[in-house]
Amino acid sequence: MNYYFHPSPRPSALESISDEELLNIYTLAVEAQALPDFIEIVKEILDSRDLIHSEKV
């Protein structure tokens, strides 16, 4: 399944949380081997906030 995350006019729960919480969610999702689609969505939000390069995700 290939999904593309489209930000809605209304922010999703992931888009409205803090950077620190989002990084924690990403770490926990990877450790728990969550669905790759979910991890990809989180990575896209991290990338949109320019956190991937600064935080070695």
PDB file of N, CA and C in Angstrom:
ATOM      1  N   MET A   1       0.834  -1.185   0.000  1.00  0.00           N
ATOM      2  CA  MET A   1       0.000   0.000   0.000  1.00  0.00           C
ATOM      3  C   MET A   1       0.876   1.244   0.000  1.00  0.00           C
ATOM      4  N   ASN A   2       0.640   2.092  -0.932  1.00  0.00           N
ATOM      5  CA  ASN A   2       1.337   3.373  -0.972  1.00  0.00           C
ATOM      6  C   ASN A   2       0.345   4.477  -0.647  1.00  0.00           C
ATOM      7  N   TYR A   3       0.638   5.182   0.419  1.00  0.00           N
ATOM      8  CA  TYR A   3      -0.186   6.305   0.817  1.00  0.00           C
ATOM      9  C   TYR A   3       0.672   7.552   0.796  1.00  0.00           C
ATOM     10  N   TYR A   4       0.060   8.645   0.455  1.00  0.00           N
ATOM     11  CA  TYR A   4       0.747   9.923   0.537  1.00  0.00           C
ATOM     12  C   TYR A   4      -0.008  10.773   1.536  1.00  0.00           C
ATOM     13  N   PHE A   5       0.701  11.297   2.516  1.00  0.00           N
ATOM     14  CA  PHE A   5       0.095  12.111   3.563  1.00  0.00           C
ATOM     15  C   PHE A   5      -0.147  13.506   3.026  1.00  0.00           C
ATOM     16  N   HIS A   6      -1.402  13.928   3.027  1.00  0.00           N
ATOM     17  CA  HIS A   6      -1.774  15.271   2.595  1.00  0.00           C
ATOM     18  C   HIS A   6      -2.233  16.057   3.817  1.00  0.00           C
ATOM     19  N   PRO A   7      -1.472  17.055   4.212  1.00  0.00           N
ATOM     20  CA  PRO A   7      -1.940  17.859   5.351  1.00  0.00           C
ATOM     21  C   PRO A   7      -3.290  18.493   5.042  1.00  0.00           C
ATOM     22  N   SER A   8      -4.182  18.417   5.985  1.00  0.00           N
ATOM     23  CA  SER A   8      -5.512  18.982   5.798  1.00  0.00           C
ATOM     24  C   SER A   8      -5.512  20.442   6.253  1.00  0.00           C
ATOM     25  N   PRO A   9      -6.558  21.183   5.889  1.00  0.00           N
ATOM     26  CA  PRO A   9      -6.647  22.560   6.366  1.00  0.00           C
ATOM     27  C   PRO A   9      -6.685  22.619   7.894  1.00  0.00           C
ATOM     28  N   ARG A  10      -7.230  21.585   8.474  1.00  0.00           N
ATOM     29  CA  ARG A  10      -7.280  21.465   9.926  1.00  0.00           C
ATOM     30  C   ARG A  10      -6.141  20.535  10.339  1.00  0.00           C
ATOM     31  N   PRO A  11      -5.263  20.936  11.250  1.00  0.00           N
ATOM     32  CA  PRO A  11      -4.112  20.099  11.586  1.00  0.00           C
ATOM     33  C   PRO A  11      -4.526  18.768  12.200  1.00  0.00           C
ATOM     34  N   SER A  12      -3.799  17.717  11.836  1.00  0.00           N
ATOM     35  CA  SER A  12      -4.034  16.412  12.446  1.00  0.00           C
ATOM     36  C   SER A  12      -3.428  16.429  13.838  1.00  0.00           C
ATOM     37  N   ALA A  13      -3.697  15.385  14.594  1.00  0.00           N
ATOM     38  CA  ALA A  13      -3.140  15.287  15.944  1.00  0.00           C
ATOM     39  C   ALA A  13      -1.620  15.317  15.898  1.00  0.00           C
ATOM     40  N   LEU A  14      -1.026  14.649  14.920  1.00  0.00           N
ATOM     41  CA  LEU A  14       0.435  14.621  14.829  1.00  0.00           C
ATOM     42  C   LEU A  14       0.999  15.989  14.472  1.00  0.00           C
ATOM     43  N   GLU A  15       0.298  16.746  13.670  1.00  0.00           N
ATOM     44  CA  GLU A  15       0.786  18.062  13.263  1.00  0.00           C
ATOM     45  C   GLU A  15       0.692  19.088  14.389  1.00  0.00           C
ATOM     46  N   SER A  16      -0.186  18.848  15.361  1.00  0.00           N
ATOM     47  CA  SER A  16      -0.407  19.855  16.390  1.00  0.00           C
ATOM     48  C   SER A  16       0.386  19.606  17.677  1.00  0.00           C
ATOM     49  N   ILE A  17       1.160  18.513  17.760  1.00  0.00           N
ATOM     50  CA  ILE A  17       1.937  18.250  18.975  1.00  0.00           C
ATOM     51  C   ILE A  17       3.319  18.896  18.884  1.00  0.00           C
ATOM     52  N   SER A  18       3.976  18.961  20.020  1.00  0.00           N
ATOM     53  CA  SER A  18       5.288  19.608  20.073  1.00  0.00           C
ATOM     54  C   SER A  18       6.341  18.780  19.334  1.00  0.00           C
ATOM     55  N   ASP A  19       7.436  19.443  19.010  1.00  0.00           N
ATOM     56  CA  ASP A  19       8.550  18.759  18.339  1.00  0.00           C
ATOM     57  C   ASP A  19       9.071  17.601  19.187  1.00  0.00           C
ATOM     58  N   GLU A  20       9.232  17.843  20.477  1.00  0.00           N
ATOM     59  CA  GLU A  20       9.754  16.808  21.377  1.00  0.00           C
ATOM     60  C   GLU A  20       8.829  15.595  21.422  1.00  0.00           C
ATOM     61  N   GLU A  21       7.530  15.835  21.503  1.00  0.00           N
ATOM     62  CA  GLU A  21       6.573  14.728  21.523  1.00  0.00           C
ATOM     63  C   GLU A  21       6.602  13.957  20.202  1.00  0.00           C
ATOM     64  N   LEU A  22       6.716  14.675  19.102  1.00  0.00           N
ATOM     65  CA  LEU A  22       6.768  14.026  17.802  1.00  0.00           C
ATOM     66  C   LEU A  22       8.017  13.155  17.666  1.00  0.00           C
ATOM     67  N   LEU A  23       9.147  13.640  18.143  1.00  0.00           N
ATOM     68  CA  LEU A  23      10.373  12.845  18.119  1.00  0.00           C
ATOM     69  C   LEU A  23      10.233  11.602  18.998  1.00  0.00           C
ATOM     70  N   ASN A  24       9.570  11.740  20.143  1.00  0.00           N
ATOM     71  CA  ASN A  24       9.330  10.584  21.010  1.00  0.00           C
ATOM     72  C   ASN A  24       8.420   9.569  20.337  1.00  0.00           C
ATOM     73  N   ILE A  25       7.394  10.042  19.662  1.00  0.00           N
ATOM     74  CA  ILE A  25       6.490   9.139  18.944  1.00  0.00           C
ATOM     75  C   ILE A  25       7.248   8.387  17.860  1.00  0.00           C
ATOM     76  N   TYR A  26       8.101   9.099  17.135  1.00  0.00           N
ATOM     77  CA  TYR A  26       8.889   8.446  16.087  1.00  0.00           C
ATOM     78  C   TYR A  26       9.778   7.356  16.675  1.00  0.00           C
ATOM     79  N   THR A  27      10.483   7.683  17.751  1.00  0.00           N
ATOM     80  CA  THR A  27      11.373   6.719  18.387  1.00  0.00           C
ATOM     81  C   THR A  27      10.605   5.493  18.864  1.00  0.00           C
ATOM     82  N   LEU A  28       9.493   5.709  19.526  1.00  0.00           N
ATOM     83  CA  LEU A  28       8.685   4.594  20.023  1.00  0.00           C
ATOM     84  C   LEU A  28       8.112   3.762  18.882  1.00  0.00           C
ATOM     85  N   ALA A  29       7.688   4.414  17.808  1.00  0.00           N
ATOM     86  CA  ALA A  29       7.130   3.696  16.659  1.00  0.00           C
ATOM     87  C   ALA A  29       8.179   2.800  16.016  1.00  0.00           C
ATOM     88  N   VAL A  30       9.398   3.295  15.888  1.00  0.00           N
ATOM     89  CA  VAL A  30      10.482   2.491  15.308  1.00  0.00           C
ATOM     90  C   VAL A  30      10.806   1.315  16.227  1.00  0.00           C
ATOM     91  N   GLU A  31      10.929   1.589  17.526  1.00  0.00           N
ATOM     92  CA  GLU A  31      11.234   0.522  18.482  1.00  0.00           C
ATOM     93  C   GLU A  31      10.151  -0.547  18.512  1.00  0.00           C
ATOM     94  N   ALA A  32       8.901  -0.140  18.385  1.00  0.00           N
ATOM     95  CA  ALA A  32       7.777  -1.077  18.424  1.00  0.00           C
ATOM     96  C   ALA A  32       7.516  -1.731  17.072  1.00  0.00           C
ATOM     97  N   GLN A  33       8.295  -1.353  16.074  1.00  0.00           N
ATOM     98  CA  GLN A  33       8.119  -1.851  14.706  1.00  0.00           C
ATOM     99  C   GLN A  33       6.683  -1.623  14.228  1.00  0.00           C
ATOM    100  N   ALA A  34       6.239  -0.375  14.392  1.00  0.00           N
ATOM    101  CA  ALA A  34       4.905   0.019  13.938  1.00  0.00           C
ATOM    102  C   ALA A  34       4.823  -0.110  12.421  1.00  0.00           C
ATOM    103  N   LEU A  35       3.631   0.021  11.903  1.00  0.00           N
ATOM    104  CA  LEU A  35       3.440  -0.077  10.458  1.00  0.00           C
ATOM    105  C   LEU A  35       4.333   0.932   9.736  1.00  0.00           C
ATOM    106  N   PRO A  36       5.004   0.496   8.689  1.00  0.00           N
ATOM    107  CA  PRO A  36       5.881   1.406   7.939  1.00  0.00           C
ATOM    108  C   PRO A  36       5.153   2.659   7.441  1.00  0.00           C
ATOM    109  N   ASP A  37       3.876   2.534   7.093  1.00  0.00           N
ATOM    110  CA  ASP A  37       3.118   3.701   6.630  1.00  0.00           C
ATOM    111  C   ASP A  37       3.006   4.754   7.727  1.00  0.00           C
ATOM    112  N   PHE A  38       2.785   4.311   8.977  1.00  0.00           N
ATOM    113  CA  PHE A  38       2.694   5.251  10.084  1.00  0.00           C
ATOM    114  C   PHE A  38       4.039   5.934  10.319  1.00  0.00           C
ATOM    115  N   ILE A  39       5.103   5.157  10.310  1.00  0.00           N
ATOM    116  CA  ILE A  39       6.438   5.719  10.507  1.00  0.00           C
ATOM    117  C   ILE A  39       6.756   6.732   9.413  1.00  0.00           C
ATOM    118  N   GLU A  40       6.357   6.431   8.194  1.00  0.00           N
ATOM    119  CA  GLU A  40       6.596   7.351   7.080  1.00  0.00           C
ATOM    120  C   GLU A  40       5.831   8.662   7.267  1.00  0.00           C
ATOM    121  N   ILE A  41       4.605   8.591   7.762  1.00  0.00           N
ATOM    122  CA  ILE A  41       3.822   9.804   8.018  1.00  0.00           C
ATOM    123  C   ILE A  41       4.528  10.665   9.066  1.00  0.00           C
ATOM    124  N   VAL A  42       4.989  10.028  10.134  1.00  0.00           N
ATOM    125  CA  VAL A  42       5.689  10.770  11.185  1.00  0.00           C
ATOM    126  C   VAL A  42       6.963  11.398  10.625  1.00  0.00           C
ATOM    127  N   LYS A  43       7.708  10.635   9.799  1.00  0.00           N
ATOM    128  CA  LYS A  43       8.929  11.168   9.198  1.00  0.00           C
ATOM    129  C   LYS A  43       8.637  12.367   8.310  1.00  0.00           C
ATOM    130  N   GLU A  44       7.541  12.324   7.576  1.00  0.00           N
ATOM    131  CA  GLU A  44       7.187  13.453   6.711  1.00  0.00           C
ATOM    132  C   GLU A  44       6.894  14.708   7.532  1.00  0.00           C
ATOM    133  N   ILE A  45       6.245  14.532   8.668  1.00  0.00           N
ATOM    134  CA  ILE A  45       5.964  15.690   9.524  1.00  0.00           C
ATOM    135  C   ILE A  45       7.264  16.205  10.134  1.00  0.00           C
ATOM    136  N   LEU A  46       8.142  15.274  10.567  1.00  0.00           N
ATOM    137  CA  LEU A  46       9.449  15.686  11.083  1.00  0.00           C
ATOM    138  C   LEU A  46      10.228  16.455  10.022  1.00  0.00           C
ATOM    139  N   ASP A  47      10.176  15.974   8.800  1.00  0.00           N
ATOM    140  CA  ASP A  47      10.870  16.647   7.699  1.00  0.00           C
ATOM    141  C   ASP A  47      10.280  18.031   7.443  1.00  0.00           C
ATOM    142  N   SER A  48       8.967  18.134   7.501  1.00  0.00           N
ATOM    143  CA  SER A  48       8.336  19.440   7.254  1.00  0.00           C
ATOM    144  C   SER A  48       8.713  20.460   8.332  1.00  0.00           C
ATOM    145  N   ARG A  49       9.084  19.968   9.499  1.00  0.00           N
ATOM    146  CA  ARG A  49       9.514  20.854  10.603  1.00  0.00           C
ATOM    147  C   ARG A  49      11.049  20.992  10.627  1.00  0.00           C
ATOM    148  N   ASP A  50      11.720  20.437   9.655  1.00  0.00           N
ATOM    149  CA  ASP A  50      13.186  20.467   9.593  1.00  0.00           C
ATOM    150  C   ASP A  50      13.832  19.853  10.830  1.00  0.00           C
ATOM    151  N   LEU A  51      13.249  18.769  11.326  1.00  0.00           N
ATOM    152  CA  LEU A  51      13.794  18.089  12.503  1.00  0.00           C
ATOM    153  C   LEU A  51      14.597  16.850  12.139  1.00  0.00           C
ATOM    154  N   ILE A  52      14.452  16.346  10.954  1.00  0.00           N
ATOM    155  CA  ILE A  52      15.156  15.123  10.580  1.00  0.00           C
ATOM    156  C   ILE A  52      16.652  15.371  10.519  1.00  0.00           C
ATOM    157  N   HIS A  53      17.073  16.443   9.905  1.00  0.00           N
ATOM    158  CA  HIS A  53      18.498  16.707   9.761  1.00  0.00           C
ATOM    159  C   HIS A  53      19.148  17.105  11.071  1.00  0.00           C
ATOM    160  N   SER A  54      18.409  17.810  11.923  1.00  0.00           N
ATOM    161  CA  SER A  54      19.002  18.291  13.161  1.00  0.00           C
ATOM    162  C   SER A  54      18.982  17.251  14.265  1.00  0.00           C
ATOM    163  N   GLU A  55      18.172  16.228  14.151  1.00  0.00           N
ATOM    164  CA  GLU A  55      18.019  15.265  15.223  1.00  0.00           C
ATOM    165  C   GLU A  55      18.466  13.846  14.869  1.00  0.00           C
ATOM    166  N   LYS A  56      19.103  13.661  13.732  1.00  0.00           N
ATOM    167  CA  LYS A  56      19.600  12.338  13.311  1.00  0.00           C
ATOM    168  C   LYS A  56      18.528  11.260  13.417  1.00  0.00           C
ATOM    169  N   VAL A  57      17.403  11.463  12.764  1.00  0.00           N
ATOM    170  CA  VAL A  57      16.290  10.500  12.782  1.00  0.00           C
ATOM    171  C   VAL A  57      16.550   9.416  11.787  1.00  0.00           C
TER     172      VAL A  57
END
